[in-house]
Amino acid sequence: ALVRLGVLSAVQPHIVSAENVRATLALVERGV
């Protein structure tokens, strides 16, 4: 989706990867 919206290159340095979608959710829940 980020590629098709033309924003991945700008966003890539800020991405924090998690092992699955629930771990991703937890990062936002905890304010990380």
PDB file of all heavy atoms in Angstrom:
ATOM      1  N   ALA A   1       0.830  -1.208   0.000  1.00  0.00           N
ATOM      2  CA  ALA A   1       0.000   0.000   0.000  1.00  0.00           C
ATOM      3  C   ALA A   1       0.863   1.257   0.000  1.00  0.00           C
ATOM      4  O   ALA A   1       0.568   2.231  -0.719  1.00  0.00           O
ATOM      5  CB  ALA A   1      -0.923  -0.007   1.220  1.00  0.00           C
ATOM      6  N   LEU A   2       1.927   1.249   0.785  1.00  0.00           N
ATOM      7  CA  LEU A   2       2.805   2.424   0.837  1.00  0.00           C
ATOM      8  C   LEU A   2       3.510   2.644  -0.498  1.00  0.00           C
ATOM      9  O   LEU A   2       3.716   3.797  -0.915  1.00  0.00           O
ATOM     10  CB  LEU A   2       3.831   2.262   1.959  1.00  0.00           C
ATOM     11  CG  LEU A   2       3.254   2.222   3.388  1.00  0.00           C
ATOM     12  CD1 LEU A   2       4.377   2.023   4.399  1.00  0.00           C
ATOM     13  CD2 LEU A   2       2.461   3.480   3.700  1.00  0.00           C
ATOM     14  N   VAL A   3       3.865   1.562  -1.178  1.00  0.00           N
ATOM     15  CA  VAL A   3       4.487   1.685  -2.502  1.00  0.00           C
ATOM     16  C   VAL A   3       3.494   2.294  -3.483  1.00  0.00           C
ATOM     17  O   VAL A   3       3.821   3.233  -4.226  1.00  0.00           O
ATOM     18  CB  VAL A   3       4.970   0.302  -3.010  1.00  0.00           C
ATOM     19  CG1 VAL A   3       5.325   0.370  -4.495  1.00  0.00           C
ATOM     20  CG2 VAL A   3       6.173  -0.164  -2.212  1.00  0.00           C
ATOM     21  N   ARG A   4       2.278   1.791  -3.504  1.00  0.00           N
ATOM     22  CA  ARG A   4       1.286   2.265  -4.470  1.00  0.00           C
ATOM     23  C   ARG A   4       0.867   3.713  -4.195  1.00  0.00           C
ATOM     24  O   ARG A   4       0.459   4.424  -5.115  1.00  0.00           O
ATOM     25  CB  ARG A   4       0.074   1.342  -4.467  1.00  0.00           C
ATOM     26  CG  ARG A   4       0.402  -0.043  -5.028  1.00  0.00           C
ATOM     27  CD  ARG A   4      -0.815  -0.918  -5.158  1.00  0.00           C
ATOM     28  NE  ARG A   4      -0.463  -2.242  -5.663  1.00  0.00           N
ATOM     29  CZ  ARG A   4      -1.310  -3.253  -5.799  1.00  0.00           C
ATOM     30  NH1 ARG A   4      -2.592  -3.073  -5.490  1.00  0.00           N
ATOM     31  NH2 ARG A   4      -0.902  -4.418  -6.244  1.00  0.00           N
ATOM     32  N   LEU A   5       1.001   4.131  -2.933  1.00  0.00           N
ATOM     33  CA  LEU A   5       0.705   5.523  -2.594  1.00  0.00           C
ATOM     34  C   LEU A   5       1.923   6.426  -2.793  1.00  0.00           C
ATOM     35  O   LEU A   5       1.834   7.641  -2.615  1.00  0.00           O
ATOM     36  CB  LEU A   5       0.219   5.617  -1.142  1.00  0.00           C
ATOM     37  CG  LEU A   5      -1.179   5.041  -0.880  1.00  0.00           C
ATOM     38  CD1 LEU A   5      -1.428   4.911   0.615  1.00  0.00           C
ATOM     39  CD2 LEU A   5      -2.251   5.911  -1.537  1.00  0.00           C
ATOM     40  N   GLY A   6       3.037   5.829  -3.147  1.00  0.00           N
ATOM     41  CA  GLY A   6       4.248   6.590  -3.457  1.00  0.00           C
ATOM     42  C   GLY A   6       4.965   7.165  -2.249  1.00  0.00           C
ATOM     43  O   GLY A   6       5.694   8.159  -2.377  1.00  0.00           O
ATOM     44  N   VAL A   7       4.814   6.528  -1.067  1.00  0.00           N
ATOM     45  CA  VAL A   7       5.407   7.112   0.137  1.00  0.00           C
ATOM     46  C   VAL A   7       6.392   6.179   0.841  1.00  0.00           C
ATOM     47  O   VAL A   7       6.979   6.553   1.854  1.00  0.00           O
ATOM     48  CB  VAL A   7       4.315   7.533   1.141  1.00  0.00           C
ATOM     49  CG1 VAL A   7       3.398   8.592   0.520  1.00  0.00           C
ATOM     50  CG2 VAL A   7       3.501   6.341   1.629  1.00  0.00           C
ATOM     51  N   LEU A   8       6.605   4.975   0.338  1.00  0.00           N
ATOM     52  CA  LEU A   8       7.441   4.026   1.071  1.00  0.00           C
ATOM     53  C   LEU A   8       8.859   4.523   1.280  1.00  0.00           C
ATOM     54  O   LEU A   8       9.417   4.396   2.370  1.00  0.00           O
ATOM     55  CB  LEU A   8       7.471   2.665   0.370  1.00  0.00           C
ATOM     56  CG  LEU A   8       8.328   1.602   1.089  1.00  0.00           C
ATOM     57  CD1 LEU A   8       7.774   1.313   2.478  1.00  0.00           C
ATOM     58  CD2 LEU A   8       8.411   0.312   0.281  1.00  0.00           C
ATOM     59  N   SER A   9       9.472   5.118   0.247  1.00  0.00           N
ATOM     60  CA  SER A   9      10.867   5.551   0.383  1.00  0.00           C
ATOM     61  C   SER A   9      11.017   6.591   1.480  1.00  0.00           C
ATOM     62  O   SER A   9      12.007   6.592   2.226  1.00  0.00           O
ATOM     63  CB  SER A   9      11.383   6.096  -0.950  1.00  0.00           C
ATOM     64  OG  SER A   9      10.579   7.189  -1.381  1.00  0.00           O
ATOM     65  N   ALA A  10      10.031   7.470   1.636  1.00  0.00           N
ATOM     66  CA  ALA A  10      10.099   8.492   2.678  1.00  0.00           C
ATOM     67  C   ALA A  10       9.829   7.901   4.058  1.00  0.00           C
ATOM     68  O   ALA A  10      10.404   8.336   5.068  1.00  0.00           O
ATOM     69  CB  ALA A  10       9.093   9.602   2.384  1.00  0.00           C
ATOM     70  N   VAL A  11       8.972   6.902   4.103  1.00  0.00           N
ATOM     71  CA  VAL A  11       8.549   6.333   5.389  1.00  0.00           C
ATOM     72  C   VAL A  11       9.496   5.247   5.888  1.00  0.00           C
ATOM     73  O   VAL A  11       9.650   5.045   7.093  1.00  0.00           O
ATOM     74  CB  VAL A  11       7.114   5.769   5.248  1.00  0.00           C
ATOM     75  CG1 VAL A  11       6.690   5.006   6.491  1.00  0.00           C
ATOM     76  CG2 VAL A  11       6.127   6.887   4.946  1.00  0.00           C
ATOM     77  N   GLN A  12      10.168   4.567   4.973  1.00  0.00           N
ATOM     78  CA  GLN A  12      11.000   3.397   5.298  1.00  0.00           C
ATOM     79  C   GLN A  12      11.939   3.604   6.492  1.00  0.00           C
ATOM     80  O   GLN A  12      12.023   2.741   7.379  1.00  0.00           O
ATOM     81  CB  GLN A  12      11.809   2.970   4.070  1.00  0.00           C
ATOM     82  CG  GLN A  12      12.634   1.700   4.266  1.00  0.00           C
ATOM     83  CD  GLN A  12      11.768   0.458   4.329  1.00  0.00           C
ATOM     84  OE1 GLN A  12      10.982   0.191   3.424  1.00  0.00           O
ATOM     85  NE2 GLN A  12      11.900  -0.319   5.398  1.00  0.00           N
ATOM     86  N   PRO A  13      12.667   4.725   6.590  1.00  0.00           N
ATOM     87  CA  PRO A  13      13.592   4.883   7.719  1.00  0.00           C
ATOM     88  C   PRO A  13      12.907   4.944   9.081  1.00  0.00           C
ATOM     89  O   PRO A  13      13.563   4.792  10.118  1.00  0.00           O
ATOM     90  CB  PRO A  13      14.291   6.215   7.411  1.00  0.00           C
ATOM     91  CG  PRO A  13      14.108   6.430   5.943  1.00  0.00           C
ATOM     92  CD  PRO A  13      12.780   5.838   5.631  1.00  0.00           C
ATOM     93  N   HIS A  14      11.608   5.157   9.096  1.00  0.00           N
ATOM     94  CA  HIS A  14      10.879   5.321  10.355  1.00  0.00           C
ATOM     95  C   HIS A  14      10.105   4.068  10.765  1.00  0.00           C
ATOM     96  O   HIS A  14       9.466   4.065  11.820  1.00  0.00           O
ATOM     97  CB  HIS A  14       9.909   6.504  10.232  1.00  0.00           C
ATOM     98  CG  HIS A  14      10.572   7.778   9.820  1.00  0.00           C
ATOM     99  ND1 HIS A  14      11.219   8.613  10.699  1.00  0.00           N
ATOM    100  CD2 HIS A  14      10.725   8.332   8.584  1.00  0.00           C
ATOM    101  CE1 HIS A  14      11.728   9.639  10.049  1.00  0.00           C
ATOM    102  NE2 HIS A  14      11.436   9.502   8.761  1.00  0.00           N
ATOM    103  N   ILE A  15      10.169   3.017   9.944  1.00  0.00           N
ATOM    104  CA  ILE A  15       9.408   1.807  10.227  1.00  0.00           C
ATOM    105  C   ILE A  15      10.058   0.990  11.339  1.00  0.00           C
ATOM    106  O   ILE A  15      11.269   0.739  11.327  1.00  0.00           O
ATOM    107  CB  ILE A  15       9.260   0.941   8.961  1.00  0.00           C
ATOM    108  CG1 ILE A  15       8.363   1.655   7.938  1.00  0.00           C
ATOM    109  CG2 ILE A  15       8.678  -0.425   9.297  1.00  0.00           C
ATOM    110  CD1 ILE A  15       8.262   0.937   6.605  1.00  0.00           C
ATOM    111  N   VAL A  16       9.257   0.589  12.305  1.00  0.00           N
ATOM    112  CA  VAL A  16       9.670  -0.344  13.356  1.00  0.00           C
ATOM    113  C   VAL A  16       8.909  -1.644  13.107  1.00  0.00           C
ATOM    114  O   VAL A  16       7.679  -1.662  13.158  1.00  0.00           O
ATOM    115  CB  VAL A  16       9.335   0.203  14.760  1.00  0.00           C
ATOM    116  CG1 VAL A  16       9.699  -0.817  15.826  1.00  0.00           C
ATOM    117  CG2 VAL A  16      10.061   1.511  15.006  1.00  0.00           C
ATOM    118  N   SER A  17       9.638  -2.715  12.815  1.00  0.00           N
ATOM    119  CA  SER A  17       8.996  -3.982  12.467  1.00  0.00           C
ATOM    120  C   SER A  17       8.692  -4.816  13.706  1.00  0.00           C
ATOM    121  O   SER A  17       9.467  -4.838  14.668  1.00  0.00           O
ATOM    122  CB  SER A  17       9.879  -4.801  11.517  1.00  0.00           C
ATOM    123  OG  SER A  17       9.935  -4.197  10.246  1.00  0.00           O
ATOM    124  N   ALA A  18       7.558  -5.501  13.665  1.00  0.00           N
ATOM    125  CA  ALA A  18       7.160  -6.422  14.723  1.00  0.00           C
ATOM    126  C   ALA A  18       6.902  -7.786  14.093  1.00  0.00           C
ATOM    127  O   ALA A  18       6.677  -7.901  12.889  1.00  0.00           O
ATOM    128  CB  ALA A  18       5.908  -5.910  15.422  1.00  0.00           C
ATOM    129  N   GLU A  19       6.920  -8.829  14.927  1.00  0.00           N
ATOM    130  CA  GLU A  19       6.863 -10.180  14.361  1.00  0.00           C
ATOM    131  C   GLU A  19       5.512 -10.533  13.753  1.00  0.00           C
ATOM    132  O   GLU A  19       5.425 -11.389  12.880  1.00  0.00           O
ATOM    133  CB  GLU A  19       7.247 -11.223  15.408  1.00  0.00           C
ATOM    134  CG  GLU A  19       6.308 -11.323  16.586  1.00  0.00           C
ATOM    135  CD  GLU A  19       6.701 -12.443  17.539  1.00  0.00           C
ATOM    136  OE1 GLU A  19       7.422 -13.351  17.109  1.00  0.00           O
ATOM    137  OE2 GLU A  19       6.296 -12.402  18.706  1.00  0.00           O
ATOM    138  N   ASN A  20       4.438  -9.900  14.212  1.00  0.00           N
ATOM    139  CA  ASN A  20       3.126 -10.144  13.622  1.00  0.00           C
ATOM    140  C   ASN A  20       2.231  -8.937  13.875  1.00  0.00           C
ATOM    141  O   ASN A  20       2.655  -7.952  14.491  1.00  0.00           O
ATOM    142  CB  ASN A  20       2.496 -11.439  14.151  1.00  0.00           C
ATOM    143  CG  ASN A  20       2.331 -11.437  15.657  1.00  0.00           C
ATOM    144  OD1 ASN A  20       1.752 -10.515  16.225  1.00  0.00           O
ATOM    145  ND2 ASN A  20       2.844 -12.461  16.317  1.00  0.00           N
ATOM    146  N   VAL A  21       1.005  -9.005  13.404  1.00  0.00           N
ATOM    147  CA  VAL A  21       0.125  -7.839  13.472  1.00  0.00           C
ATOM    148  C   VAL A  21      -0.276  -7.502  14.912  1.00  0.00           C
ATOM    149  O   VAL A  21      -0.460  -6.327  15.253  1.00  0.00           O
ATOM    150  CB  VAL A  21      -1.114  -8.061  12.574  1.00  0.00           C
ATOM    151  CG1 VAL A  21      -2.066  -9.086  13.172  1.00  0.00           C
ATOM    152  CG2 VAL A  21      -1.839  -6.763  12.277  1.00  0.00           C
ATOM    153  N   ARG A  22      -0.394  -8.498  15.782  1.00  0.00           N
ATOM    154  CA  ARG A  22      -0.746  -8.212  17.168  1.00  0.00           C
ATOM    155  C   ARG A  22       0.422  -7.583  17.925  1.00  0.00           C
ATOM    156  O   ARG A  22       0.220  -6.748  18.817  1.00  0.00           O
ATOM    157  CB  ARG A  22      -1.239  -9.479  17.864  1.00  0.00           C
ATOM    158  CG  ARG A  22      -2.666  -9.854  17.450  1.00  0.00           C
ATOM    159  CD  ARG A  22      -3.595  -8.641  17.613  1.00  0.00           C
ATOM    160  NE  ARG A  22      -4.924  -8.863  17.095  1.00  0.00           N
ATOM    161  CZ  ARG A  22      -5.948  -9.279  17.814  1.00  0.00           C
ATOM    162  NH1 ARG A  22      -5.795  -9.532  19.101  1.00  0.00           N
ATOM    163  NH2 ARG A  22      -7.118  -9.420  17.268  1.00  0.00           N
ATOM    164  N   ALA A  23       1.633  -7.961  17.583  1.00  0.00           N
ATOM    165  CA  ALA A  23       2.793  -7.300  18.175  1.00  0.00           C
ATOM    166  C   ALA A  23       2.874  -5.852  17.687  1.00  0.00           C
ATOM    167  O   ALA A  23       3.268  -4.953  18.442  1.00  0.00           O
ATOM    168  CB  ALA A  23       4.071  -8.061  17.815  1.00  0.00           C
ATOM    169  N   THR A  24       2.484  -5.616  16.448  1.00  0.00           N
ATOM    170  CA  THR A  24       2.407  -4.252  15.911  1.00  0.00           C
ATOM    171  C   THR A  24       1.402  -3.426  16.705  1.00  0.00           C
ATOM    172  O   THR A  24       1.679  -2.290  17.114  1.00  0.00           O
ATOM    173  CB  THR A  24       1.991  -4.281  14.430  1.00  0.00           C
ATOM    174  OG1 THR A  24       2.915  -5.067  13.686  1.00  0.00           O
ATOM    175  CG2 THR A  24       1.919  -2.881  13.842  1.00  0.00           C
ATOM    176  N   LEU A  25       0.249  -3.988  16.915  1.00  0.00           N
ATOM    177  CA  LEU A  25      -0.800  -3.312  17.682  1.00  0.00           C
ATOM    178  C   LEU A  25      -0.302  -2.954  19.080  1.00  0.00           C
ATOM    179  O   LEU A  25      -0.552  -1.850  19.583  1.00  0.00           O
ATOM    180  CB  LEU A  25      -2.031  -4.213  17.771  1.00  0.00           C
ATOM    181  CG  LEU A  25      -3.262  -3.645  18.472  1.00  0.00           C
ATOM    182  CD1 LEU A  25      -3.875  -2.526  17.646  1.00  0.00           C
ATOM    183  CD2 LEU A  25      -4.291  -4.758  18.709  1.00  0.00           C
ATOM    184  N   ALA A  26       0.419  -3.863  19.707  1.00  0.00           N
ATOM    185  CA  ALA A  26       0.920  -3.640  21.071  1.00  0.00           C
ATOM    186  C   ALA A  26       1.881  -2.459  21.131  1.00  0.00           C
ATOM    187  O   ALA A  26       1.910  -1.734  22.134  1.00  0.00           O
ATOM    188  CB  ALA A  26       1.603  -4.904  21.583  1.00  0.00           C
ATOM    189  N   LEU A  27       2.667  -2.232  20.083  1.00  0.00           N
ATOM    190  CA  LEU A  27       3.599  -1.097  20.068  1.00  0.00           C
ATOM    191  C   LEU A  27       2.847   0.228  20.132  1.00  0.00           C
ATOM    192  O   LEU A  27       3.289   1.176  20.794  1.00  0.00           O
ATOM    193  CB  LEU A  27       4.478  -1.155  18.816  1.00  0.00           C
ATOM    194  CG  LEU A  27       5.500  -2.300  18.754  1.00  0.00           C
ATOM    195  CD1 LEU A  27       6.222  -2.279  17.409  1.00  0.00           C
ATOM    196  CD2 LEU A  27       6.499  -2.206  19.896  1.00  0.00           C
ATOM    197  N   VAL A  28       1.712   0.286  19.452  1.00  0.00           N
ATOM    198  CA  VAL A  28       0.900   1.509  19.498  1.00  0.00           C
ATOM    199  C   VAL A  28       0.162   1.608  20.829  1.00  0.00           C
ATOM    200  O   VAL A  28       0.076   2.687  21.426  1.00  0.00           O
ATOM    201  CB  VAL A  28      -0.083   1.555  18.317  1.00  0.00           C
ATOM    202  CG1 VAL A  28      -0.910   2.844  18.339  1.00  0.00           C
ATOM    203  CG2 VAL A  28       0.668   1.442  16.983  1.00  0.00           C
ATOM    204  N   GLU A  29      -0.349   0.494  21.318  1.00  0.00           N
ATOM    205  CA  GLU A  29      -1.047   0.494  22.604  1.00  0.00           C
ATOM    206  C   GLU A  29      -0.154   0.999  23.733  1.00  0.00           C
ATOM    207  O   GLU A  29      -0.615   1.727  24.626  1.00  0.00           O
ATOM    208  CB  GLU A  29      -1.535  -0.917  22.937  1.00  0.00           C
ATOM    209  CG  GLU A  29      -2.677  -1.421  22.084  1.00  0.00           C
ATOM    210  CD  GLU A  29      -3.040  -2.846  22.420  1.00  0.00           C
ATOM    211  OE1 GLU A  29      -2.127  -3.642  22.755  1.00  0.00           O
ATOM    212  OE2 GLU A  29      -4.230  -3.188  22.338  1.00  0.00           O
ATOM    213  N   ARG A  30       1.126   0.623  23.682  1.00  0.00           N
ATOM    214  CA  ARG A  30       2.067   0.997  24.757  1.00  0.00           C
ATOM    215  C   ARG A  30       2.702   2.364  24.530  1.00  0.00           C
ATOM    216  O   ARG A  30       3.493   2.821  25.351  1.00  0.00           O
ATOM    217  CB  ARG A  30       3.154  -0.070  24.894  1.00  0.00           C
ATOM    218  CG  ARG A  30       2.632  -1.430  25.338  1.00  0.00           C
ATOM    219  CD  ARG A  30       3.740  -2.296  25.879  1.00  0.00           C
ATOM    220  NE  ARG A  30       4.775  -2.557  24.901  1.00  0.00           N
ATOM    221  CZ  ARG A  30       4.854  -3.650  24.157  1.00  0.00           C
ATOM    222  NH1 ARG A  30       3.936  -4.606  24.289  1.00  0.00           N
ATOM    223  NH2 ARG A  30       5.832  -3.831  23.295  1.00  0.00           N
ATOM    224  N   GLY A  31       2.391   3.001  23.402  1.00  0.00           N
ATOM    225  CA  GLY A  31       2.956   4.309  23.118  1.00  0.00           C
ATOM    226  C   GLY A  31       4.362   4.287  22.575  1.00  0.00           C
ATOM    227  O   GLY A  31       5.010   5.329  22.460  1.00  0.00           O
ATOM    228  N   VAL A  32       4.846   3.107  22.212  1.00  0.00           N
ATOM    229  CA  VAL A  32       6.187   3.001  21.629  1.00  0.00           C
ATOM    230  C   VAL A  32       6.209   3.649  20.248  1.00  0.00           C
ATOM    231  O   VAL A  32       7.206   4.260  19.849  1.00  0.00           O
ATOM    232  CB  VAL A  32       6.619   1.517  21.534  1.00  0.00           C
ATOM    233  CG1 VAL A  32       7.968   1.391  20.826  1.00  0.00           C
ATOM    234  CG2 VAL A  32       6.682   0.899  22.924  1.00  0.00           C
TER     235      VAL A  32
END
